[in-house]
Amino acid sequence: MITKKKTTIKDIANVLGITPSAVSKALSDHPRISDKTKADVIQVAKNLNYQPNHLASALRKGKSNLVGLIIPKANSHFFSSVLQSMEEILNEKGYSVIISQSNESYRQECESIDALLFTQVDGIIASLANETLDFSYYEKIKAKGIPLILFDRGENDLEVDYIGIDDYQSSHLIVDHLVAQGCKRIAHIAGYNHTRIYKNRIRGYRDALDKHQLPIEDALILEGNLSLEDGRAKMETLLKLPQRPDAVYAAGDFAALGALQVLKEHGVKMPEDIALVGFGNEPFTSYVSPSISTVNQNSEAIGRFAAEAFLYRIENPKEKVSLKKKILNAELVVRASSKKS
């Protein structure tokens, strides 16, 4: 099989009878190159299907106009909404976003960081994977002097800019709502406690129960990865308890959907027998029956603030400013799965 040779600047120069340096300057819209030469170079580049080497260009200029985005999963409306909002701002400033998905894997997250650093991105915006306990790879980013912005899932120990919602207060909103509906035995399908946002949601859940003088039982707190399958498994476990809960708060909408499926399969009425609340406001929560109460995480605002934090850091590299920590209020969206009256 014959491999087609990639077109280079030298090939364009040979066609036009000019130097490779002149071609490079023409492609960069250099003021000392005539408009006619620029037009000729662009036309030949198109004819030869020339693709610029962005990595080489970044190495020469010390700037790639690329921003790396690491997210745990792409099938989440929350992360896709964050990306859309982020791209709108960054694209206006001439930046393109390279998206990498960790699939909640620490190994994939590390590989993504290596790949983004090799690509010479100007900064990295990230939300940590569930498996991530070691932050040394993120320290590598900081050591290179590249702006690092964390959102949704981030760790205070990294001492970088962070944007997210008040996860602790969000749990209070949920428990307060369930108590107002008459619920007294509230279970929590939780994320892993080593992740800051889920730790705060568990802490908020416990403190809210204590505020309402309701019992805190370890058997009613089940940690997991919050996938649909995990939600199903955790709901099956809760239904087997000698005394079933009368409400379930799932720290993720996919887990809430799994719990809803199991409740329907067992003929459990919602919210009469067991009330259900999720987290994340995924689009499907309003379409299923019964519709699922959930928390709106203000994803568009998070994407906007994350992009603005990066731009501030890149435009003020030598300015020593305090870390930017933006904590947004969340909104409880009450629907049929938990509204008794």
Protein backbone atom coordinates (compact mmCIF):
# COMPACT_ATOMS: atom_id res chain seq x y z
CA MET A 1 0.00 0.00 0.00
CA ILE A 2 1.34 3.43 -0.98
CA THR A 3 1.10 6.04 1.73
CA LYS A 4 0.28 9.52 0.42
CA LYS A 5 2.97 12.05 1.36
CA LYS A 6 1.74 14.90 3.52
CA THR A 7 2.02 18.32 1.86
CA THR A 8 4.58 20.65 3.44
CA ILE A 9 5.35 24.36 3.23
CA LYS A 10 8.32 23.42 1.03
CA ASP A 11 5.96 21.81 -1.53
CA ILE A 12 3.93 25.02 -1.77
CA ALA A 13 7.15 27.05 -2.13
CA ASN A 14 8.36 24.81 -5.00
CA VAL A 15 5.10 25.29 -6.93
CA LEU A 16 5.27 29.08 -6.60
CA GLY A 17 9.03 29.44 -6.92
CA ILE A 18 9.37 31.29 -3.61
CA THR A 19 11.09 30.45 -0.34
CA PRO A 20 9.47 28.30 2.40
CA SER A 21 9.94 31.29 4.71
CA ALA A 22 7.79 33.46 2.41
CA VAL A 23 5.09 30.78 2.37
CA SER A 24 5.13 30.59 6.16
CA LYS A 25 4.80 34.37 6.44
CA ALA A 26 2.01 34.45 3.86
CA LEU A 27 0.04 31.82 5.77
CA SER A 28 0.54 33.89 8.94
CA ASP A 29 -0.76 37.02 7.18
CA HIS A 30 2.59 38.80 7.64
CA PRO A 31 2.34 42.51 6.68
CA ARG A 32 5.54 42.40 4.57
CA ILE A 33 4.06 39.83 2.17
CA SER A 34 1.96 41.23 -0.70
CA ASP A 35 -1.75 40.48 -0.97
CA LYS A 36 -1.17 38.76 -4.32
CA THR A 37 1.45 36.41 -2.85
CA LYS A 38 -0.82 35.64 0.08
CA ALA A 39 -3.70 34.83 -2.27
CA ASP A 40 -1.45 32.62 -4.44
CA VAL A 41 -0.14 30.75 -1.39
CA ILE A 42 -3.63 30.16 -0.02
CA GLN A 43 -4.86 28.87 -3.39
CA VAL A 44 -1.92 26.45 -3.83
CA ALA A 45 -2.30 25.31 -0.21
CA LYS A 46 -5.94 24.44 -0.96
CA ASN A 47 -5.04 22.69 -4.22
CA LEU A 48 -2.43 20.55 -2.44
CA ASN A 49 -4.71 19.93 0.57
CA TYR A 50 -2.13 21.44 2.90
CA GLN A 51 -2.79 20.88 6.61
CA PRO A 52 -0.79 23.13 8.95
CA ASN A 53 1.26 21.50 11.69
CA HIS A 54 -0.29 23.12 14.76
CA LEU A 55 2.18 21.47 17.13
CA ALA A 56 5.18 22.86 15.28
CA SER A 57 3.49 26.25 15.10
CA ALA A 58 2.79 26.17 18.83
CA LEU A 59 6.40 25.33 19.57
CA ARG A 60 7.56 28.27 17.44
CA LYS A 61 5.11 30.81 18.84
CA GLY A 62 4.90 29.49 22.39
CA LYS A 63 1.11 29.64 22.02
CA SER A 64 -1.32 27.15 20.45
CA ASN A 65 -4.71 28.81 21.05
CA LEU A 66 -5.90 25.41 22.22
CA VAL A 67 -7.57 24.68 25.56
CA GLY A 68 -7.81 21.14 26.89
CA LEU A 69 -11.07 20.04 28.53
CA ILE A 70 -11.15 16.83 30.58
CA ILE A 71 -14.59 15.55 31.58
CA PRO A 72 -15.64 12.30 33.27
CA LYS A 73 -18.26 11.40 30.64
CA ALA A 74 -19.63 12.93 27.47
CA ASN A 75 -23.14 11.43 27.72
CA SER A 76 -24.07 13.83 30.52
CA HIS A 77 -26.22 16.85 29.71
CA PHE A 78 -24.44 18.72 32.50
CA PHE A 79 -20.99 18.33 30.93
CA SER A 80 -22.21 18.96 27.36
CA SER A 81 -23.94 22.14 28.56
CA VAL A 82 -20.77 23.26 30.36
CA LEU A 83 -18.80 22.65 27.16
CA GLN A 84 -21.23 24.59 24.97
CA SER A 85 -21.17 27.61 27.27
CA MET A 86 -17.39 27.43 27.61
CA GLU A 87 -16.80 27.16 23.85
CA GLU A 88 -18.97 30.19 23.08
CA ILE A 89 -16.66 32.41 25.14
CA LEU A 90 -13.36 30.78 24.20
CA ASN A 91 -14.14 30.65 20.46
CA GLU A 92 -14.85 34.39 20.49
CA LYS A 93 -11.33 34.91 21.85
CA GLY A 94 -9.76 32.72 19.16
CA TYR A 95 -9.37 29.53 21.20
CA SER A 96 -10.42 26.02 20.20
CA VAL A 97 -11.28 23.33 22.76
CA ILE A 98 -9.85 19.79 22.69
CA ILE A 99 -12.18 17.46 24.59
CA SER A 100 -10.96 14.38 26.42
CA GLN A 101 -13.17 11.90 28.27
CA SER A 102 -11.80 10.04 31.29
CA ASN A 103 -14.77 7.64 31.62
CA GLU A 104 -14.23 7.99 35.39
CA SER A 105 -10.84 6.28 34.98
CA TYR A 106 -7.74 7.65 36.71
CA ARG A 107 -5.48 5.97 34.12
CA GLN A 108 -7.34 7.56 31.21
CA GLU A 109 -7.27 10.90 32.98
CA CYS A 110 -3.48 10.73 33.30
CA GLU A 111 -3.13 9.75 29.65
CA SER A 112 -5.34 12.68 28.66
CA ILE A 113 -3.18 15.10 30.62
CA ASP A 114 -0.02 13.76 28.96
CA ALA A 115 -1.61 14.06 25.50
CA LEU A 116 -2.82 17.60 26.12
CA LEU A 117 0.55 18.72 27.45
CA PHE A 118 2.27 17.16 24.42
CA THR A 119 -0.15 19.08 22.17
CA GLN A 120 1.06 22.30 23.82
CA VAL A 121 -2.38 23.44 25.00
CA ASP A 122 -2.43 26.90 26.56
CA GLY A 123 -4.46 25.71 29.53
CA ILE A 124 -6.52 22.83 30.93
CA ILE A 125 -10.04 22.94 32.36
CA ALA A 126 -11.04 19.73 34.11
CA SER A 127 -13.53 17.85 36.25
CA LEU A 128 -11.94 14.95 38.13
CA ALA A 129 -12.73 11.28 37.53
CA ASN A 130 -14.37 9.24 40.29
CA GLU A 131 -11.25 7.08 40.59
CA THR A 132 -8.85 10.00 41.07
CA LEU A 133 -7.16 9.98 44.46
CA ASP A 134 -3.64 10.95 43.39
CA PHE A 135 -3.30 14.53 42.10
CA SER A 136 0.35 14.37 41.01
CA TYR A 137 -0.61 14.54 37.32
CA TYR A 138 -2.47 17.77 37.95
CA GLU A 139 0.58 19.06 39.81
CA LYS A 140 2.51 18.46 36.56
CA ILE A 141 0.24 20.97 34.84
CA LYS A 142 0.85 23.56 37.55
CA ALA A 143 4.61 22.91 37.46
CA LYS A 144 4.66 23.81 33.75
CA GLY A 145 3.06 27.15 34.52
CA ILE A 146 -0.05 26.30 32.49
CA PRO A 147 -3.38 27.63 33.80
CA LEU A 148 -5.44 24.88 35.43
CA ILE A 149 -9.12 25.47 36.17
CA LEU A 150 -11.24 22.86 37.93
CA PHE A 151 -15.02 22.74 37.87
CA ASP A 152 -17.75 20.62 39.49
CA ARG A 153 -15.30 18.05 40.87
CA GLY A 154 -12.15 19.63 42.25
CA GLU A 155 -9.87 19.35 45.26
CA ASN A 156 -8.87 22.19 47.56
CA ASP A 157 -5.40 20.65 48.01
CA LEU A 158 -4.51 21.54 44.40
CA GLU A 159 -4.88 25.27 45.12
CA VAL A 160 -6.22 26.23 41.69
CA ASP A 161 -9.22 28.20 40.48
CA TYR A 162 -12.49 26.33 41.00
CA ILE A 163 -16.10 26.78 39.86
CA GLY A 164 -19.00 24.70 41.16
CA ILE A 165 -22.26 24.71 43.09
CA ASP A 166 -22.88 24.57 46.83
CA ASP A 167 -23.20 20.79 47.14
CA TYR A 168 -23.63 20.92 50.92
CA GLN A 169 -26.54 23.36 50.70
CA SER A 170 -28.05 21.38 47.81
CA SER A 171 -28.49 18.38 50.10
CA HIS A 172 -30.26 20.61 52.60
CA LEU A 173 -32.66 21.76 49.86
CA ILE A 174 -33.48 18.15 49.01
CA VAL A 175 -33.92 16.92 52.60
CA ASP A 176 -35.95 20.01 53.54
CA HIS A 177 -38.28 19.33 50.61
CA LEU A 178 -38.69 15.64 51.47
CA VAL A 179 -39.38 16.41 55.11
CA ALA A 180 -42.00 18.95 54.02
CA GLN A 181 -43.66 16.12 52.09
CA GLY A 182 -43.91 14.11 55.30
CA CYS A 183 -40.92 11.81 54.73
CA LYS A 184 -39.14 10.59 57.86
CA ARG A 185 -36.85 7.80 56.66
CA ILE A 186 -34.71 9.23 53.88
CA ALA A 187 -32.06 7.10 52.15
CA HIS A 188 -29.11 8.46 50.18
CA ILE A 189 -27.63 6.79 47.09
CA ALA A 190 -24.32 8.62 47.29
CA GLY A 191 -21.23 9.14 45.19
CA TYR A 192 -17.86 8.05 46.54
CA ASN A 193 -16.98 9.89 49.74
CA HIS A 194 -13.36 10.54 48.61
CA THR A 195 -14.64 12.96 45.95
CA ARG A 196 -15.17 16.42 47.38
CA ILE A 197 -18.59 17.13 45.86
CA TYR A 198 -20.05 13.81 47.02
CA LYS A 199 -18.43 14.17 50.43
CA ASN A 200 -20.17 17.54 50.75
CA ARG A 201 -23.49 16.08 49.59
CA ILE A 202 -23.25 13.29 52.17
CA ARG A 203 -22.28 15.80 54.88
CA GLY A 204 -25.17 18.05 53.90
CA TYR A 205 -27.57 15.09 53.94
CA ARG A 206 -26.43 14.05 57.42
CA ASP A 207 -26.58 17.57 58.83
CA ALA A 208 -30.01 18.18 57.30
CA LEU A 209 -31.37 15.00 58.89
CA ASP A 210 -29.90 16.09 62.21
CA LYS A 211 -31.48 19.53 61.80
CA HIS A 212 -34.89 17.87 61.42
CA GLN A 213 -34.14 15.46 64.30
CA LEU A 214 -34.39 12.45 62.02
CA PRO A 215 -32.27 9.31 62.55
CA ILE A 216 -29.00 8.92 60.64
CA GLU A 217 -28.53 5.25 59.70
CA ASP A 218 -25.47 3.91 57.90
CA ALA A 219 -27.66 1.28 56.22
CA LEU A 220 -29.47 4.09 54.40
CA ILE A 221 -26.26 5.60 52.91
CA LEU A 222 -24.99 3.58 49.94
CA GLU A 223 -21.92 4.84 48.04
CA GLY A 224 -21.33 3.98 44.39
CA ASN A 225 -20.51 5.28 40.91
CA LEU A 226 -24.03 6.66 40.35
CA SER A 227 -24.53 4.89 37.02
CA LEU A 228 -27.98 3.63 36.03
CA GLU A 229 -26.93 0.08 36.92
CA ASP A 230 -25.58 1.28 40.26
CA GLY A 231 -28.87 3.04 41.01
CA ARG A 232 -30.76 -0.17 40.26
CA ALA A 233 -28.51 -2.25 42.51
CA LYS A 234 -28.67 0.25 45.39
CA MET A 235 -32.46 0.49 45.16
CA GLU A 236 -32.77 -3.31 45.29
CA THR A 237 -30.64 -3.26 48.46
CA LEU A 238 -32.81 -0.58 50.07
CA LEU A 239 -36.02 -2.48 49.28
CA LYS A 240 -34.65 -5.54 51.08
CA LEU A 241 -34.18 -3.66 54.38
CA PRO A 242 -36.46 -4.77 57.24
CA GLN A 243 -37.80 -1.21 57.28
CA ARG A 244 -37.90 0.40 53.87
CA PRO A 245 -37.12 4.10 53.39
CA ASP A 246 -40.01 6.40 52.52
CA ALA A 247 -37.76 8.60 50.38
CA VAL A 248 -34.56 8.22 48.32
CA TYR A 249 -32.15 11.01 47.43
CA ALA A 250 -29.77 9.93 44.65
CA ALA A 251 -26.68 12.11 44.12
CA GLY A 252 -26.93 11.67 40.32
CA ASP A 253 -29.84 11.51 37.87
CA PHE A 254 -28.71 8.29 36.16
CA ALA A 255 -28.74 6.54 39.54
CA ALA A 256 -32.16 8.07 40.21
CA LEU A 257 -33.40 6.67 36.89
CA GLY A 258 -32.14 3.20 37.84
CA ALA A 259 -33.89 3.50 41.21
CA LEU A 260 -37.11 4.59 39.48
CA GLN A 261 -37.01 1.54 37.20
CA VAL A 262 -36.66 -0.83 40.15
CA LEU A 263 -39.42 0.88 42.13
CA LYS A 264 -41.79 0.54 39.17
CA GLU A 265 -40.82 -3.11 38.66
CA HIS A 266 -41.69 -3.82 42.31
CA GLY A 267 -44.98 -1.97 42.09
CA VAL A 268 -43.87 0.74 44.53
CA LYS A 269 -45.86 3.94 44.08
CA MET A 270 -44.02 7.24 43.81
CA PRO A 271 -44.24 9.47 45.73
CA GLU A 272 -46.95 7.85 47.89
CA ASP A 273 -44.84 4.88 49.08
CA ILE A 274 -41.34 6.18 48.33
CA ALA A 275 -40.47 9.69 47.16
CA LEU A 276 -37.49 10.06 44.82
CA VAL A 277 -35.11 12.96 44.09
CA GLY A 278 -32.10 12.95 41.75
CA PHE A 279 -29.30 15.42 41.01
CA GLY A 280 -28.19 17.10 37.77
CA ASN A 281 -31.40 17.94 35.86
CA GLU A 282 -30.66 15.61 32.94
CA PRO A 283 -33.26 16.06 30.14
CA PHE A 284 -34.76 12.59 30.67
CA THR A 285 -35.84 13.51 34.22
CA SER A 286 -38.74 15.54 32.84
CA TYR A 287 -39.79 12.88 30.28
CA VAL A 288 -40.01 9.69 32.38
CA SER A 289 -43.11 8.76 34.37
CA PRO A 290 -43.26 9.89 37.05
CA SER A 291 -41.03 12.84 36.23
CA ILE A 292 -38.03 12.98 38.57
CA SER A 293 -37.41 15.84 41.00
CA THR A 294 -33.80 16.94 40.72
CA VAL A 295 -31.23 19.72 41.23
CA ASN A 296 -30.32 22.16 38.48
CA GLN A 297 -26.54 22.71 38.67
CA ASN A 298 -26.37 25.95 36.64
CA SER A 299 -24.16 24.28 34.03
CA GLU A 300 -24.17 27.24 31.62
CA ALA A 301 -22.92 29.61 34.32
CA ILE A 302 -20.23 27.11 35.38
CA GLY A 303 -18.98 26.86 31.77
CA ARG A 304 -18.93 30.65 31.42
CA PHE A 305 -17.07 31.26 34.68
CA ALA A 306 -14.54 28.48 33.92
CA ALA A 307 -13.76 30.03 30.52
CA GLU A 308 -13.46 33.50 32.05
CA ALA A 309 -11.13 32.20 34.77
CA PHE A 310 -8.85 30.66 32.11
CA LEU A 311 -8.84 33.87 30.04
CA TYR A 312 -7.98 35.94 33.08
CA ARG A 313 -5.03 33.67 33.92
CA ILE A 314 -3.73 33.60 30.36
CA GLU A 315 -4.03 37.38 29.96
CA ASN A 316 -2.41 38.13 33.34
CA PRO A 317 0.37 35.50 33.58
CA LYS A 318 2.67 37.50 35.85
CA GLU A 319 0.02 39.02 38.05
CA LYS A 320 -0.12 37.35 41.45
CA VAL A 321 -3.80 37.19 42.34
CA SER A 322 -5.67 35.11 44.86
CA LEU A 323 -7.33 31.92 43.70
CA LYS A 324 -10.75 32.36 42.19
CA LYS A 325 -13.33 30.14 43.86
CA LYS A 326 -16.82 30.63 42.47
CA ILE A 327 -19.57 28.74 44.30
CA LEU A 328 -23.01 29.03 42.72
CA ASN A 329 -26.39 28.38 44.31
CA ALA A 330 -28.27 25.35 43.03
CA GLU A 331 -31.99 25.16 42.27
CA LEU A 332 -34.32 22.36 43.36
CA VAL A 333 -36.69 21.36 40.55
CA VAL A 334 -39.71 19.66 42.15
CA ARG A 335 -41.57 17.15 39.99
CA ALA A 336 -44.02 14.27 40.36
CA SER A 337 -41.60 11.71 41.86
CA SER A 338 -41.48 13.58 45.19
CA LYS A 339 -44.38 16.02 45.27
CA LYS A 340 -47.13 14.59 47.46
CA SER A 341 -49.20 17.72 47.82
